[in-house]
Amino acid sequence: MPKEIADKRNDFLQKLTTDLASKYRHMRVETLNIKGLMKNKKLAFHFADASFYKFKTLLQNKAVTHGGIVESVDMFFPSSQLYSQCHQKKTKD
């Protein structure tokens, strides 16, 4: 990978994680099935190129620096099915 691309990606990750850590005190990051994602031959390169692990590590380190925390959430956690204020699971009407 050319050094310029790696530098741009690193710069982007640094800025993004700094911004998130300074805005939010409690963040949750979903764990991904990377092995399963890598089986998709058309998208495997893009998933490998996305630097998910580096993003998570930077975010955790910067959250600690800013007094926040980052939790890992299982991929089967029903986050889109919970109310944001009370965290109760939505029921189907």
PDB file of N, CA and C in Angstrom:
ATOM      1  N   MET A   1       0.860  -1.171   0.000  1.00  0.00           N
ATOM      2  CA  MET A   1       0.000   0.000   0.000  1.00  0.00           C
ATOM      3  C   MET A   1       0.909   1.237   0.000  1.00  0.00           C
ATOM      4  N   PRO A   2       0.621   2.172  -0.885  1.00  0.00           N
ATOM      5  CA  PRO A   2       1.440   3.395  -0.909  1.00  0.00           C
ATOM      6  C   PRO A   2       1.372   4.142   0.422  1.00  0.00           C
ATOM      7  N   LYS A   3       2.475   4.727   0.788  1.00  0.00           N
ATOM      8  CA  LYS A   3       2.582   5.424   2.073  1.00  0.00           C
ATOM      9  C   LYS A   3       1.586   6.574   2.176  1.00  0.00           C
ATOM     10  N   GLU A   4       1.314   7.258   1.075  1.00  0.00           N
ATOM     11  CA  GLU A   4       0.384   8.396   1.118  1.00  0.00           C
ATOM     12  C   GLU A   4      -1.022   7.942   1.526  1.00  0.00           C
ATOM     13  N   ILE A   5      -1.440   6.809   1.015  1.00  0.00           N
ATOM     14  CA  ILE A   5      -2.775   6.290   1.352  1.00  0.00           C
ATOM     15  C   ILE A   5      -2.822   5.890   2.819  1.00  0.00           C
ATOM     16  N   ALA A   6      -1.779   5.224   3.278  1.00  0.00           N
ATOM     17  CA  ALA A   6      -1.718   4.823   4.689  1.00  0.00           C
ATOM     18  C   ALA A   6      -1.709   6.046   5.597  1.00  0.00           C
ATOM     19  N   ASP A   7      -0.989   7.090   5.209  1.00  0.00           N
ATOM     20  CA  ASP A   7      -0.953   8.319   6.005  1.00  0.00           C
ATOM     21  C   ASP A   7      -2.313   9.002   6.040  1.00  0.00           C
ATOM     22  N   LYS A   8      -3.004   9.034   4.904  1.00  0.00           N
ATOM     23  CA  LYS A   8      -4.337   9.644   4.853  1.00  0.00           C
ATOM     24  C   LYS A   8      -5.326   8.867   5.708  1.00  0.00           C
ATOM     25  N   ARG A   9      -5.256   7.534   5.645  1.00  0.00           N
ATOM     26  CA  ARG A   9      -6.158   6.707   6.447  1.00  0.00           C
ATOM     27  C   ARG A   9      -5.880   6.919   7.932  1.00  0.00           C
ATOM     28  N   ASN A  10      -4.617   6.932   8.306  1.00  0.00           N
ATOM     29  CA  ASN A  10      -4.250   7.139   9.705  1.00  0.00           C
ATOM     30  C   ASN A  10      -4.695   8.519  10.183  1.00  0.00           C
ATOM     31  N   ASP A  11      -4.511   9.532   9.359  1.00  0.00           N
ATOM     32  CA  ASP A  11      -4.946  10.883   9.712  1.00  0.00           C
ATOM     33  C   ASP A  11      -6.459  10.926   9.914  1.00  0.00           C
ATOM     34  N   PHE A  12      -7.199  10.290   9.008  1.00  0.00           N
ATOM     35  CA  PHE A  12      -8.657  10.247   9.123  1.00  0.00           C
ATOM     36  C   PHE A  12      -9.083   9.548  10.412  1.00  0.00           C
ATOM     37  N   LEU A  13      -8.475   8.393  10.709  1.00  0.00           N
ATOM     38  CA  LEU A  13      -8.823   7.656  11.927  1.00  0.00           C
ATOM     39  C   LEU A  13      -8.493   8.460  13.178  1.00  0.00           C
ATOM     40  N   GLN A  14      -7.371   9.143  13.179  1.00  0.00           N
ATOM     41  CA  GLN A  14      -6.986   9.966  14.324  1.00  0.00           C
ATOM     42  C   GLN A  14      -8.003  11.084  14.554  1.00  0.00           C
ATOM     43  N   LYS A  15      -8.375  11.783  13.491  1.00  0.00           N
ATOM     44  CA  LYS A  15      -9.326  12.897  13.614  1.00  0.00           C
ATOM     45  C   LYS A  15     -10.709  12.409  14.021  1.00  0.00           C
ATOM     46  N   LEU A  16     -11.165  11.311  13.413  1.00  0.00           N
ATOM     47  CA  LEU A  16     -12.490  10.779  13.717  1.00  0.00           C
ATOM     48  C   LEU A  16     -12.582  10.318  15.168  1.00  0.00           C
ATOM     49  N   THR A  17     -11.597   9.555  15.635  1.00  0.00           N
ATOM     50  CA  THR A  17     -11.643   9.054  17.005  1.00  0.00           C
ATOM     51  C   THR A  17     -11.501  10.186  18.027  1.00  0.00           C
ATOM     52  N   THR A  18     -10.708  11.187  17.716  1.00  0.00           N
ATOM     53  CA  THR A  18     -10.593  12.343  18.617  1.00  0.00           C
ATOM     54  C   THR A  18     -11.927  13.066  18.721  1.00  0.00           C
ATOM     55  N   ASP A  19     -12.577  13.266  17.587  1.00  0.00           N
ATOM     56  CA  ASP A  19     -13.871  13.947  17.565  1.00  0.00           C
ATOM     57  C   ASP A  19     -14.918  13.154  18.351  1.00  0.00           C
ATOM     58  N   LEU A  20     -14.998  11.845  18.118  1.00  0.00           N
ATOM     59  CA  LEU A  20     -15.975  11.012  18.835  1.00  0.00           C
ATOM     60  C   LEU A  20     -15.707  10.987  20.334  1.00  0.00           C
ATOM     61  N   ALA A  21     -14.444  10.828  20.720  1.00  0.00           N
ATOM     62  CA  ALA A  21     -14.099  10.740  22.142  1.00  0.00           C
ATOM     63  C   ALA A  21     -14.358  12.051  22.863  1.00  0.00           C
ATOM     64  N   SER A  22     -14.212  13.181  22.176  1.00  0.00           N
ATOM     65  CA  SER A  22     -14.459  14.464  22.829  1.00  0.00           C
ATOM     66  C   SER A  22     -15.951  14.791  22.914  1.00  0.00           C
ATOM     67  N   LYS A  23     -16.769  14.234  22.039  1.00  0.00           N
ATOM     68  CA  LYS A  23     -18.209  14.513  22.033  1.00  0.00           C
ATOM     69  C   LYS A  23     -19.010  13.570  22.929  1.00  0.00           C
ATOM     70  N   TYR A  24     -18.605  12.305  22.988  1.00  0.00           N
ATOM     71  CA  TYR A  24     -19.398  11.292  23.677  1.00  0.00           C
ATOM     72  C   TYR A  24     -18.599  10.648  24.800  1.00  0.00           C
ATOM     73  N   ARG A  25     -19.240  10.459  25.952  1.00  0.00           N
ATOM     74  CA  ARG A  25     -18.573   9.861  27.098  1.00  0.00           C
ATOM     75  C   ARG A  25     -18.767   8.344  27.154  1.00  0.00           C
ATOM     76  N   HIS A  26     -19.847   7.857  26.585  1.00  0.00           N
ATOM     77  CA  HIS A  26     -20.145   6.426  26.622  1.00  0.00           C
ATOM     78  C   HIS A  26     -20.463   5.970  25.205  1.00  0.00           C
ATOM     79  N   MET A  27     -19.630   5.098  24.675  1.00  0.00           N
ATOM     80  CA  MET A  27     -19.817   4.620  23.306  1.00  0.00           C
ATOM     81  C   MET A  27     -19.843   3.099  23.294  1.00  0.00           C
ATOM     82  N   ARG A  28     -20.577   2.561  22.353  1.00  0.00           N
ATOM     83  CA  ARG A  28     -20.633   1.115  22.168  1.00  0.00           C
ATOM     84  C   ARG A  28     -20.221   0.798  20.741  1.00  0.00           C
ATOM     85  N   VAL A  29     -19.376  -0.211  20.613  1.00  0.00           N
ATOM     86  CA  VAL A  29     -18.886  -0.638  19.310  1.00  0.00           C
ATOM     87  C   VAL A  29     -19.282  -2.093  19.114  1.00  0.00           C
ATOM     88  N   GLU A  30     -19.932  -2.374  18.004  1.00  0.00           N
ATOM     89  CA  GLU A  30     -20.381  -3.736  17.735  1.00  0.00           C
ATOM     90  C   GLU A  30     -19.210  -4.606  17.279  1.00  0.00           C
ATOM     91  N   THR A  31     -19.150  -5.803  17.822  1.00  0.00           N
ATOM     92  CA  THR A  31     -18.143  -6.753  17.353  1.00  0.00           C
ATOM     93  C   THR A  31     -18.596  -7.287  16.005  1.00  0.00           C
ATOM     94  N   LEU A  32     -17.652  -7.461  15.109  1.00  0.00           N
ATOM     95  CA  LEU A  32     -17.973  -7.930  13.765  1.00  0.00           C
ATOM     96  C   LEU A  32     -17.379  -9.313  13.537  1.00  0.00           C
ATOM     97  N   ASN A  33     -18.042 -10.090  12.723  1.00  0.00           N
ATOM     98  CA  ASN A  33     -17.538 -11.392  12.327  1.00  0.00           C
ATOM     99  C   ASN A  33     -16.615 -11.182  11.125  1.00  0.00           C
ATOM    100  N   ILE A  34     -15.384 -10.799  11.396  1.00  0.00           N
ATOM    101  CA  ILE A  34     -14.443 -10.472  10.331  1.00  0.00           C
ATOM    102  C   ILE A  34     -14.152 -11.692   9.460  1.00  0.00           C
ATOM    103  N   LYS A  35     -14.040 -12.871  10.063  1.00  0.00           N
ATOM    104  CA  LYS A  35     -13.784 -14.080   9.265  1.00  0.00           C
ATOM    105  C   LYS A  35     -14.917 -14.311   8.271  1.00  0.00           C
ATOM    106  N   GLY A  36     -16.139 -14.093   8.716  1.00  0.00           N
ATOM    107  CA  GLY A  36     -17.283 -14.247   7.818  1.00  0.00           C
ATOM    108  C   GLY A  36     -17.293 -13.194   6.721  1.00  0.00           C
ATOM    109  N   LEU A  37     -16.932 -11.960   7.077  1.00  0.00           N
ATOM    110  CA  LEU A  37     -16.888 -10.896   6.082  1.00  0.00           C
ATOM    111  C   LEU A  37     -15.796 -11.145   5.043  1.00  0.00           C
ATOM    112  N   MET A  38     -14.696 -11.748   5.482  1.00  0.00           N
ATOM    113  CA  MET A  38     -13.574 -11.993   4.576  1.00  0.00           C
ATOM    114  C   MET A  38     -13.882 -13.101   3.569  1.00  0.00           C
ATOM    115  N   LYS A  39     -14.922 -13.877   3.793  1.00  0.00           N
ATOM    116  CA  LYS A  39     -15.295 -14.932   2.849  1.00  0.00           C
ATOM    117  C   LYS A  39     -15.938 -14.381   1.593  1.00  0.00           C
ATOM    118  N   ASN A  40     -16.432 -13.154   1.658  1.00  0.00           N
ATOM    119  CA  ASN A  40     -17.021 -12.519   0.488  1.00  0.00           C
ATOM    120  C   ASN A  40     -15.881 -12.019  -0.399  1.00  0.00           C
ATOM    121  N   LYS A  41     -15.616 -12.716  -1.480  1.00  0.00           N
ATOM    122  CA  LYS A  41     -14.452 -12.421  -2.318  1.00  0.00           C
ATOM    123  C   LYS A  41     -14.499 -11.021  -2.942  1.00  0.00           C
ATOM    124  N   LYS A  42     -15.692 -10.509  -3.193  1.00  0.00           N
ATOM    125  CA  LYS A  42     -15.803  -9.184  -3.810  1.00  0.00           C
ATOM    126  C   LYS A  42     -15.512  -8.063  -2.813  1.00  0.00           C
ATOM    127  N   LEU A  43     -15.779  -8.308  -1.539  1.00  0.00           N
ATOM    128  CA  LEU A  43     -15.629  -7.253  -0.540  1.00  0.00           C
ATOM    129  C   LEU A  43     -14.489  -7.484   0.442  1.00  0.00           C
ATOM    130  N   ALA A  44     -13.836  -8.626   0.381  1.00  0.00           N
ATOM    131  CA  ALA A  44     -12.804  -8.976   1.365  1.00  0.00           C
ATOM    132  C   ALA A  44     -11.696  -7.934   1.430  1.00  0.00           C
ATOM    133  N   PHE A  45     -11.233  -7.461   0.292  1.00  0.00           N
ATOM    134  CA  PHE A  45     -10.158  -6.463   0.279  1.00  0.00           C
ATOM    135  C   PHE A  45     -10.595  -5.193   0.994  1.00  0.00           C
ATOM    136  N   HIS A  46     -11.817  -4.772   0.763  1.00  0.00           N
ATOM    137  CA  HIS A  46     -12.313  -3.540   1.366  1.00  0.00           C
ATOM    138  C   HIS A  46     -12.464  -3.671   2.880  1.00  0.00           C
ATOM    139  N   PHE A  47     -12.921  -4.831   3.347  1.00  0.00           N
ATOM    140  CA  PHE A  47     -13.021  -5.038   4.789  1.00  0.00           C
ATOM    141  C   PHE A  47     -11.634  -5.077   5.422  1.00  0.00           C
ATOM    142  N   ALA A  48     -10.697  -5.715   4.762  1.00  0.00           N
ATOM    143  CA  ALA A  48      -9.328  -5.785   5.288  1.00  0.00           C
ATOM    144  C   ALA A  48      -8.690  -4.396   5.290  1.00  0.00           C
ATOM    145  N   ASP A  49      -9.062  -3.593   4.328  1.00  0.00           N
ATOM    146  CA  ASP A  49      -8.479  -2.262   4.155  1.00  0.00           C
ATOM    147  C   ASP A  49      -9.088  -1.232   5.103  1.00  0.00           C
ATOM    148  N   ALA A  50     -10.184  -1.549   5.752  1.00  0.00           N
ATOM    149  CA  ALA A  50     -10.927  -0.565   6.545  1.00  0.00           C
ATOM    150  C   ALA A  50     -10.326  -0.286   7.924  1.00  0.00           C
ATOM    151  N   SER A  51      -9.450  -1.098   8.393  1.00  0.00           N
ATOM    152  CA  SER A  51      -8.757  -0.896   9.677  1.00  0.00           C
ATOM    153  C   SER A  51      -9.706  -0.824  10.865  1.00  0.00           C
ATOM    154  N   PHE A  52     -10.616  -1.793  10.970  1.00  0.00           N
ATOM    155  CA  PHE A  52     -11.565  -1.812  12.076  1.00  0.00           C
ATOM    156  C   PHE A  52     -10.861  -1.925  13.427  1.00  0.00           C
ATOM    157  N   TYR A  53      -9.863  -2.790  13.495  1.00  0.00           N
ATOM    158  CA  TYR A  53      -9.167  -2.999  14.767  1.00  0.00           C
ATOM    159  C   TYR A  53      -8.450  -1.728  15.212  1.00  0.00           C
ATOM    160  N   LYS A  54      -7.796  -1.069  14.276  1.00  0.00           N
ATOM    161  CA  LYS A  54      -7.084   0.166  14.619  1.00  0.00           C
ATOM    162  C   LYS A  54      -8.067   1.238  15.078  1.00  0.00           C
ATOM    163  N   PHE A  55      -9.223   1.330  14.417  1.00  0.00           N
ATOM    164  CA  PHE A  55     -10.250   2.299  14.808  1.00  0.00           C
ATOM    165  C   PHE A  55     -10.693   2.060  16.245  1.00  0.00           C
ATOM    166  N   LYS A  56     -10.987   0.797  16.563  1.00  0.00           N
ATOM    167  CA  LYS A  56     -11.466   0.466  17.904  1.00  0.00           C
ATOM    168  C   LYS A  56     -10.401   0.753  18.959  1.00  0.00           C
ATOM    169  N   THR A  57      -9.156   0.406  18.667  1.00  0.00           N
ATOM    170  CA  THR A  57      -8.066   0.641  19.611  1.00  0.00           C
ATOM    171  C   THR A  57      -7.854   2.130  19.854  1.00  0.00           C
ATOM    172  N   LEU A  58      -7.829   2.914  18.780  1.00  0.00           N
ATOM    173  CA  LEU A  58      -7.665   4.366  18.923  1.00  0.00           C
ATOM    174  C   LEU A  58      -8.822   4.970  19.715  1.00  0.00           C
ATOM    175  N   LEU A  59     -10.039   4.524  19.414  1.00  0.00           N
ATOM    176  CA  LEU A  59     -11.213   5.055  20.103  1.00  0.00           C
ATOM    177  C   LEU A  59     -11.163   4.735  21.595  1.00  0.00           C
ATOM    178  N   GLN A  60     -10.778   3.524  21.946  1.00  0.00           N
ATOM    179  CA  GLN A  60     -10.678   3.158  23.356  1.00  0.00           C
ATOM    180  C   GLN A  60      -9.626   3.997  24.071  1.00  0.00           C
ATOM    181  N   ASN A  61      -8.484   4.173  23.459  1.00  0.00           N
ATOM    182  CA  ASN A  61      -7.415   4.960  24.074  1.00  0.00           C
ATOM    183  C   ASN A  61      -7.812   6.417  24.256  1.00  0.00           C
ATOM    184  N   LYS A  62      -8.444   6.994  23.255  1.00  0.00           N
ATOM    185  CA  LYS A  62      -8.822   8.405  23.340  1.00  0.00           C
ATOM    186  C   LYS A  62     -10.008   8.614  24.280  1.00  0.00           C
ATOM    187  N   ALA A  63     -10.884   7.630  24.368  1.00  0.00           N
ATOM    188  CA  ALA A  63     -12.006   7.731  25.301  1.00  0.00           C
ATOM    189  C   ALA A  63     -11.486   7.788  26.737  1.00  0.00           C
ATOM    190  N   VAL A  64     -10.511   6.964  27.046  1.00  0.00           N
ATOM    191  CA  VAL A  64      -9.912   6.979  28.385  1.00  0.00           C
ATOM    192  C   VAL A  64      -9.282   8.345  28.648  1.00  0.00           C
ATOM    193  N   THR A  65      -8.595   8.896  27.682  1.00  0.00           N
ATOM    194  CA  THR A  65      -7.959  10.208  27.824  1.00  0.00           C
ATOM    195  C   THR A  65      -8.983  11.303  28.094  1.00  0.00           C
ATOM    196  N   HIS A  66     -10.160  11.188  27.467  1.00  0.00           N
ATOM    197  CA  HIS A  66     -11.216  12.200  27.625  1.00  0.00           C
ATOM    198  C   HIS A  66     -12.204  11.850  28.743  1.00  0.00           C
ATOM    199  N   GLY A  67     -11.939  10.801  29.496  1.00  0.00           N
ATOM    200  CA  GLY A  67     -12.803  10.435  30.615  1.00  0.00           C
ATOM    201  C   GLY A  67     -14.026   9.636  30.225  1.00  0.00           C
ATOM    202  N   GLY A  68     -13.993   8.971  29.098  1.00  0.00           N
ATOM    203  CA  GLY A  68     -15.133   8.177  28.651  1.00  0.00           C
ATOM    204  C   GLY A  68     -14.807   6.700  28.624  1.00  0.00           C
ATOM    205  N   ILE A  69     -15.778   5.911  28.165  1.00  0.00           N
ATOM    206  CA  ILE A  69     -15.571   4.468  28.040  1.00  0.00           C
ATOM    207  C   ILE A  69     -16.128   3.982  26.710  1.00  0.00           C
ATOM    208  N   VAL A  70     -15.561   2.895  26.233  1.00  0.00           N
ATOM    209  CA  VAL A  70     -16.034   2.237  25.017  1.00  0.00           C
ATOM    210  C   VAL A  70     -16.336   0.793  25.379  1.00  0.00           C
ATOM    211  N   GLU A  71     -17.547   0.371  25.094  1.00  0.00           N
ATOM    212  CA  GLU A  71     -17.957  -1.010  25.360  1.00  0.00           C
ATOM    213  C   GLU A  71     -18.070  -1.765  24.048  1.00  0.00           C
ATOM    214  N   SER A  72     -17.694  -3.026  24.071  1.00  0.00           N
ATOM    215  CA  SER A  72     -17.909  -3.901  22.922  1.00  0.00           C
ATOM    216  C   SER A  72     -19.257  -4.580  23.100  1.00  0.00           C
ATOM    217  N   VAL A  73     -20.052  -4.546  22.061  1.00  0.00           N
ATOM    218  CA  VAL A  73     -21.393  -5.127  22.091  1.00  0.00           C
ATOM    219  C   VAL A  73     -21.433  -6.287  21.109  1.00  0.00           C
ATOM    220  N   ASP A  74     -22.006  -7.389  21.530  1.00  0.00           N
ATOM    221  CA  ASP A  74     -22.130  -8.561  20.683  1.00  0.00           C
ATOM    222  C   ASP A  74     -22.925  -8.234  19.428  1.00  0.00           C
ATOM    223  N   MET A  75     -22.604  -8.904  18.331  1.00  0.00           N
ATOM    224  CA  MET A  75     -23.276  -8.624  17.061  1.00  0.00           C
ATOM    225  C   MET A  75     -24.769  -8.964  17.095  1.00  0.00           C
ATOM    226  N   PHE A  76     -25.196  -9.745  18.071  1.00  0.00           N
ATOM    227  CA  PHE A  76     -26.612 -10.104  18.172  1.00  0.00           C
ATOM    228  C   PHE A  76     -27.368  -9.246  19.177  1.00  0.00           C
ATOM    229  N   PHE A  77     -26.719  -8.238  19.745  1.00  0.00           N
ATOM    230  CA  PHE A  77     -27.372  -7.317  20.676  1.00  0.00           C
ATOM    231  C   PHE A  77     -28.428  -6.520  19.909  1.00  0.00           C
ATOM    232  N   PRO A  78     -29.665  -6.441  20.407  1.00  0.00           N
ATOM    233  CA  PRO A  78     -30.751  -5.796  19.652  1.00  0.00           C
ATOM    234  C   PRO A  78     -30.744  -4.265  19.756  1.00  0.00           C
ATOM    235  N   SER A  79     -29.653  -3.628  19.397  1.00  0.00           N
ATOM    236  CA  SER A  79     -29.515  -2.186  19.596  1.00  0.00           C
ATOM    237  C   SER A  79     -30.550  -1.376  18.819  1.00  0.00           C
ATOM    238  N   SER A  80     -30.911  -1.806  17.624  1.00  0.00           N
ATOM    239  CA  SER A  80     -31.894  -1.052  16.850  1.00  0.00           C
ATOM    240  C   SER A  80     -33.316  -1.310  17.328  1.00  0.00           C
ATOM    241  N   GLN A  81     -33.498  -2.245  18.253  1.00  0.00           N
ATOM    242  CA  GLN A  81     -34.821  -2.564  18.769  1.00  0.00           C
ATOM    243  C   GLN A  81     -35.065  -1.977  20.155  1.00  0.00           C
ATOM    244  N   LEU A  82     -34.154  -1.108  20.629  1.00  0.00           N
ATOM    245  CA  LEU A  82     -34.291  -0.520  21.959  1.00  0.00           C
ATOM    246  C   LEU A  82     -34.598   0.966  21.857  1.00  0.00           C
ATOM    247  N   TYR A  83     -35.423   1.453  22.774  1.00  0.00           N
ATOM    248  CA  TYR A  83     -35.670   2.883  22.868  1.00  0.00           C
ATOM    249  C   TYR A  83     -34.410   3.563  23.409  1.00  0.00           C
ATOM    250  N   SER A  84     -34.058   4.699  22.839  1.00  0.00           N
ATOM    251  CA  SER A  84     -32.799   5.343  23.212  1.00  0.00           C
ATOM    252  C   SER A  84     -32.818   5.928  24.624  1.00  0.00           C
ATOM    253  N   GLN A  85     -33.955   6.338  25.128  1.00  0.00           N
ATOM    254  CA  GLN A  85     -34.016   6.966  26.444  1.00  0.00           C
ATOM    255  C   GLN A  85     -34.117   5.958  27.591  1.00  0.00           C
ATOM    256  N   CYS A  86     -35.051   5.011  27.476  1.00  0.00           N
ATOM    257  CA  CYS A  86     -35.288   4.082  28.589  1.00  0.00           C
ATOM    258  C   CYS A  86     -34.665   2.704  28.367  1.00  0.00           C
ATOM    259  N   HIS A  87     -34.173   2.431  27.175  1.00  0.00           N
ATOM    260  CA  HIS A  87     -33.521   1.170  26.826  1.00  0.00           C
ATOM    261  C   HIS A  87     -34.434  -0.039  26.940  1.00  0.00           C
ATOM    262  N   GLN A  88     -35.722   0.182  26.871  1.00  0.00           N
ATOM    263  CA  GLN A  88     -36.681  -0.930  26.862  1.00  0.00           C
ATOM    264  C   GLN A  88     -36.787  -1.432  25.435  1.00  0.00           C
ATOM    265  N   LYS A  89     -36.995  -2.737  25.294  1.00  0.00           N
ATOM    266  CA  LYS A  89     -37.132  -3.327  23.968  1.00  0.00           C
ATOM    267  C   LYS A  89     -38.503  -2.976  23.391  1.00  0.00           C
ATOM    268  N   LYS A  90     -38.488  -2.551  22.131  1.00  0.00           N
ATOM    269  CA  LYS A  90     -39.736  -2.197  21.463  1.00  0.00           C
ATOM    270  C   LYS A  90     -40.548  -3.453  21.215  1.00  0.00           C
ATOM    271  N   THR A  91     -41.863  -3.317  21.372  1.00  0.00           N
ATOM    272  CA  THR A  91     -42.747  -4.444  21.105  1.00  0.00           C
ATOM    273  C   THR A  91     -43.479  -4.189  19.814  1.00  0.00           C
ATOM    274  N   LYS A  92     -43.813  -5.264  19.136  1.00  0.00           N
ATOM    275  CA  LYS A  92     -44.568  -5.127  17.882  1.00  0.00           C
ATOM    276  C   LYS A  92     -46.031  -4.914  18.224  1.00  0.00           C
ATOM    277  N   ASP A  93     -46.642  -3.974  17.554  1.00  0.00           N
ATOM    278  CA  ASP A  93     -48.071  -3.668  17.814  1.00  0.00           C
ATOM    279  C   ASP A  93     -48.973  -4.621  17.125  1.00  0.00           C
TER     280      ASP A  93
END
